[in-house]
Amino acid sequence: MARSTFEGPILSGDNRFGALRDVGYTVLEQDCYIDLSNSTAGTAGYSGGSGQFAWGNNIPNLPGTVYTPSSVYSANGPTVQTIPADTTTQVYRGIVMYIPNGSEIIDVTVDYISAITGESGATLSNVSVFVSNNYTAAAGTPAYATAALGTTTVGTAGRQSITYTGTNLANLLATTADIQNPTLGANPSFLSQVVFTLSITGTSVAAPTGGKLNFILRYSQPDNNIGTLTQYPYGNLD
């Protein structure tokens, strides 16, 4: 079966001309499944490790690069962000996704498939998933959403409740220009970055030995040439 990749927004509908056209944006989706017992890059469910997040858009998962968000062009490209290594008070695992700049995030989903193991000797203070445009520390404020898995425990398997603050909801309307593409010289293009950070904090915390999660992002790509209140490109522009 043939496979096609489209560049730019995808509109669909059955009436694409006139003031009463019914076209709308097609919803896009990325997801990344991780198995915290899997530390082998390039295999299904690879979950990264101490100081290393995963990237699932190459299927199977590979090591992912998280960048420091910046819309300032640099000939050397974006700056790689350092993910803290595991300590006895905090452990971070996570995944990174790259999406078109200015996308509208419709929702995020955190599916906690099987319980995180390896923390039986720990006293936990918080286990959460933070969704932001960069790695988010345990005490940080995520740009997009939060899933609180548990406080004194590693949480309960199931589809997690997602919390959006008012600021989160405003940020979801249009993702930020986080990554510069240096291959275009003085006219770089920009990408948005979405990072799911699994944060485990407490005392006597250890690297997880197991646990399965799936992170899902649904979004639509904007059309910057959609028109204005007085001028509409009702049909094709060419």
Protein backbone atom coordinates (compact mmCIF):
# COMPACT_ATOMS: atom_id res chain seq x y z
CA MET A 1 0.00 0.00 0.00
CA ALA A 2 1.35 3.44 -0.94
CA ARG A 3 2.22 5.97 1.74
CA SER A 4 2.02 9.73 1.29
CA THR A 5 3.28 12.59 3.42
CA PHE A 6 1.79 16.05 2.99
CA GLU A 7 3.59 19.29 3.72
CA GLY A 8 1.36 22.02 5.07
CA PRO A 9 -2.13 21.96 6.59
CA ILE A 10 -4.70 19.46 5.37
CA LEU A 11 -8.25 20.78 4.97
CA SER A 12 -11.20 18.50 4.28
CA GLY A 13 -14.89 18.98 3.55
CA ASP A 14 -17.40 18.66 0.72
CA ASN A 15 -18.03 22.36 0.02
CA ARG A 16 -14.78 24.25 -0.39
CA PHE A 17 -16.10 27.34 -2.22
CA GLY A 18 -18.17 30.27 -1.04
CA ALA A 19 -18.92 31.92 2.27
CA LEU A 20 -20.72 28.80 3.54
CA ARG A 21 -17.90 26.38 2.87
CA ASP A 22 -17.68 23.55 5.41
CA VAL A 23 -14.01 22.64 5.26
CA GLY A 24 -12.04 22.13 8.45
CA TYR A 25 -8.61 21.11 9.65
CA THR A 26 -7.68 17.45 9.69
CA VAL A 27 -6.64 16.21 13.15
CA LEU A 28 -3.08 14.86 13.33
CA GLU A 29 -1.71 12.48 15.95
CA GLN A 30 1.62 11.32 17.32
CA ASP A 31 2.13 8.77 20.04
CA CYS A 32 5.00 7.08 21.82
CA TYR A 33 4.78 3.84 23.82
CA ILE A 34 7.52 3.15 26.35
CA ASP A 35 8.39 0.13 28.47
CA LEU A 36 10.55 1.25 31.39
CA SER A 37 12.28 -2.14 31.45
CA ASN A 38 13.55 -1.60 27.89
CA SER A 39 16.87 0.24 27.60
CA THR A 40 17.74 -0.99 24.10
CA ALA A 41 17.50 1.84 21.55
CA GLY A 42 15.89 0.99 18.23
CA THR A 43 13.48 -1.55 19.69
CA ALA A 44 9.77 -1.27 20.35
CA GLY A 45 9.09 0.43 23.67
CA TYR A 46 12.60 1.76 24.23
CA SER A 47 12.24 4.20 27.13
CA GLY A 48 15.56 6.03 27.25
CA GLY A 49 17.44 6.04 30.53
CA SER A 50 19.26 8.26 33.00
CA GLY A 51 19.64 11.64 31.31
CA GLN A 52 18.15 10.36 28.05
CA PHE A 53 14.59 10.74 26.73
CA ALA A 54 13.12 8.71 23.87
CA TRP A 55 11.72 9.63 20.46
CA GLY A 56 8.98 7.48 18.96
CA ASN A 57 8.43 9.01 15.52
CA ASN A 58 10.95 6.75 13.82
CA ILE A 59 9.28 3.52 15.05
CA PRO A 60 10.80 1.71 16.79
CA ASN A 61 11.85 4.22 19.44
CA LEU A 62 15.25 5.88 19.31
CA PRO A 63 17.09 8.25 21.68
CA GLY A 64 15.40 11.65 21.48
CA THR A 65 16.97 15.09 21.54
CA VAL A 66 15.30 17.73 23.69
CA TYR A 67 16.25 21.28 22.75
CA THR A 68 16.22 24.46 24.79
CA PRO A 69 13.30 26.43 23.33
CA SER A 70 14.46 29.49 21.41
CA SER A 71 13.13 31.35 18.37
CA VAL A 72 16.48 33.11 17.83
CA TYR A 73 18.34 31.90 14.77
CA SER A 74 21.79 30.43 15.30
CA ALA A 75 24.04 29.14 12.55
CA ASN A 76 25.04 26.34 14.91
CA GLY A 77 21.45 25.21 15.27
CA PRO A 78 19.37 24.78 18.42
CA THR A 79 20.92 24.14 21.81
CA VAL A 80 20.54 20.65 23.24
CA GLN A 81 18.93 20.60 26.67
CA THR A 82 20.51 18.52 29.44
CA ILE A 83 18.17 16.05 31.13
CA PRO A 84 19.21 15.53 34.78
CA ALA A 85 20.70 12.15 35.56
CA ASP A 86 19.01 9.88 38.08
CA THR A 87 19.54 10.61 41.77
CA THR A 88 18.11 9.12 44.95
CA THR A 89 15.61 12.01 45.16
CA GLN A 90 14.48 12.32 41.54
CA VAL A 91 14.22 10.21 38.41
CA TYR A 92 13.10 11.52 35.04
CA ARG A 93 12.03 9.57 31.98
CA GLY A 94 10.21 10.97 29.00
CA ILE A 95 9.67 11.37 25.29
CA VAL A 96 9.90 14.22 22.80
CA MET A 97 7.76 15.03 19.76
CA TYR A 98 8.32 17.63 17.04
CA ILE A 99 5.27 19.23 15.41
CA PRO A 100 4.60 22.15 13.02
CA ASN A 101 5.10 25.58 14.54
CA GLY A 102 1.88 27.27 15.63
CA SER A 103 -0.12 24.05 15.83
CA GLU A 104 -3.27 23.92 17.93
CA ILE A 105 -3.05 21.13 20.48
CA ILE A 106 -6.46 19.52 20.83
CA ASP A 107 -5.67 17.20 23.72
CA VAL A 108 -3.02 15.05 25.34
CA THR A 109 -3.49 11.52 26.64
CA VAL A 110 -1.42 9.60 29.18
CA ASP A 111 -2.22 5.90 29.27
CA TYR A 112 -0.63 4.19 32.28
CA ILE A 113 -0.70 0.60 31.07
CA SER A 114 1.15 -1.27 33.81
CA ALA A 115 2.56 -0.11 37.14
CA ILE A 116 6.03 1.36 37.54
CA THR A 117 8.24 -1.08 39.44
CA GLY A 118 11.53 -0.72 41.30
CA GLU A 119 10.44 1.86 43.87
CA SER A 120 9.52 -0.51 46.69
CA GLY A 121 12.21 0.95 48.97
CA ALA A 122 11.41 4.57 48.19
CA THR A 123 9.35 7.12 50.06
CA LEU A 124 7.60 8.92 47.23
CA SER A 125 6.43 12.52 47.29
CA ASN A 126 5.09 12.87 43.74
CA VAL A 127 4.78 10.94 40.49
CA SER A 128 3.53 13.05 37.58
CA VAL A 129 3.71 13.52 33.84
CA PHE A 130 4.32 17.10 32.72
CA VAL A 131 3.56 18.12 29.13
CA SER A 132 5.46 21.17 27.96
CA ASN A 133 7.65 22.59 25.21
CA ASN A 134 10.77 21.39 27.06
CA TYR A 135 11.88 19.09 29.84
CA THR A 136 10.01 20.05 33.04
CA ALA A 137 11.50 19.60 36.50
CA ALA A 138 9.37 18.26 39.34
CA ALA A 139 8.73 21.76 40.73
CA GLY A 140 8.35 23.34 37.30
CA THR A 141 5.30 24.73 35.53
CA PRO A 142 4.47 22.85 32.31
CA ALA A 143 3.30 24.88 29.32
CA TYR A 144 0.53 22.52 28.21
CA ALA A 145 -0.80 20.01 30.77
CA THR A 146 -0.22 17.80 33.82
CA ALA A 147 -1.18 14.22 34.68
CA ALA A 148 -0.76 13.49 38.40
CA LEU A 149 -0.20 9.74 38.73
CA GLY A 150 0.26 9.59 42.49
CA THR A 151 1.88 11.05 45.58
CA THR A 152 2.84 8.33 48.05
CA THR A 153 2.56 5.63 45.36
CA VAL A 154 3.53 5.29 41.71
CA GLY A 155 -0.16 5.63 40.81
CA THR A 156 -2.82 3.38 39.35
CA ALA A 157 -2.81 1.97 35.84
CA GLY A 158 -5.45 3.38 33.54
CA ARG A 159 -6.13 6.43 31.37
CA GLN A 160 -5.03 9.34 33.50
CA SER A 161 -6.96 12.50 34.26
CA ILE A 162 -5.31 15.49 32.58
CA THR A 163 -5.27 18.91 34.26
CA TYR A 164 -5.18 22.10 32.21
CA THR A 165 -4.75 25.49 33.84
CA GLY A 166 -6.05 28.66 32.24
CA THR A 167 -2.53 29.40 31.05
CA ASN A 168 -2.26 25.88 29.63
CA LEU A 169 -5.47 26.33 27.65
CA ALA A 170 -4.21 29.60 26.19
CA ASN A 171 -0.90 27.96 25.23
CA LEU A 172 -2.70 25.08 23.51
CA LEU A 173 -4.13 27.49 20.93
CA ALA A 174 -0.79 27.89 19.16
CA THR A 175 2.47 26.11 19.93
CA THR A 176 5.64 28.16 20.18
CA ALA A 177 8.61 28.41 17.80
CA ASP A 178 11.01 26.25 19.78
CA ILE A 179 13.53 24.82 17.30
CA GLN A 180 15.35 26.52 14.45
CA ASN A 181 16.25 24.50 11.36
CA PRO A 182 19.78 25.68 10.51
CA THR A 183 19.82 24.02 7.07
CA LEU A 184 18.03 26.98 5.50
CA GLY A 185 20.76 29.51 6.17
CA ALA A 186 19.59 32.99 7.06
CA ASN A 187 15.92 32.02 6.55
CA PRO A 188 15.41 29.12 8.94
CA SER A 189 12.13 27.35 9.44
CA PHE A 190 10.83 26.66 12.92
CA LEU A 191 9.36 23.64 14.68
CA SER A 192 7.44 23.27 17.92
CA GLN A 193 8.57 20.79 20.53
CA VAL A 194 6.32 18.81 22.86
CA VAL A 195 7.93 16.91 25.74
CA PHE A 196 6.23 14.45 28.08
CA THR A 197 8.30 14.32 31.30
CA LEU A 198 7.66 11.46 33.72
CA SER A 199 8.84 12.73 37.10
CA ILE A 200 9.37 10.46 40.12
CA THR A 201 10.49 12.28 43.28
CA GLY A 202 11.00 11.33 46.94
CA THR A 203 13.74 9.71 48.97
CA SER A 204 15.59 6.48 48.18
CA VAL A 205 14.22 6.72 44.63
CA ALA A 206 15.70 4.27 42.13
CA ALA A 207 15.73 3.84 38.37
CA PRO A 208 12.45 2.09 37.43
CA THR A 209 12.78 -1.55 36.48
CA GLY A 210 9.44 -1.80 34.68
CA GLY A 211 6.19 -0.07 33.84
CA LYS A 212 4.47 0.70 30.54
CA LEU A 213 3.01 4.00 29.37
CA ASN A 214 1.69 5.44 26.13
CA PHE A 215 1.74 9.17 25.41
CA ILE A 216 -0.63 10.52 22.75
CA LEU A 217 -0.77 14.02 21.25
CA ARG A 218 -3.58 15.21 18.97
CA TYR A 219 -3.19 18.51 17.14
CA SER A 220 -4.06 20.38 13.96
CA GLN A 221 -1.67 22.29 11.73
CA PRO A 222 -2.59 25.93 11.07
CA ASP A 223 -3.06 27.46 7.63
CA ASN A 224 -1.38 30.85 7.72
CA ASN A 225 -2.93 31.73 4.35
CA ILE A 226 -6.53 30.98 5.33
CA GLY A 227 -7.62 34.59 4.67
CA THR A 228 -9.01 37.47 6.68
CA LEU A 229 -12.43 38.79 7.63
CA THR A 230 -12.62 40.66 4.32
CA GLN A 231 -10.78 38.36 1.93
CA TYR A 232 -11.16 34.59 1.70
CA PRO A 233 -9.23 32.15 -0.52
CA TYR A 234 -12.37 30.07 -0.95
CA GLY A 235 -10.84 27.50 -3.29
CA ASN A 236 -7.39 26.73 -4.53
CA LEU A 237 -4.91 29.59 -4.60
CA ASP A 238 -3.14 28.39 -7.76
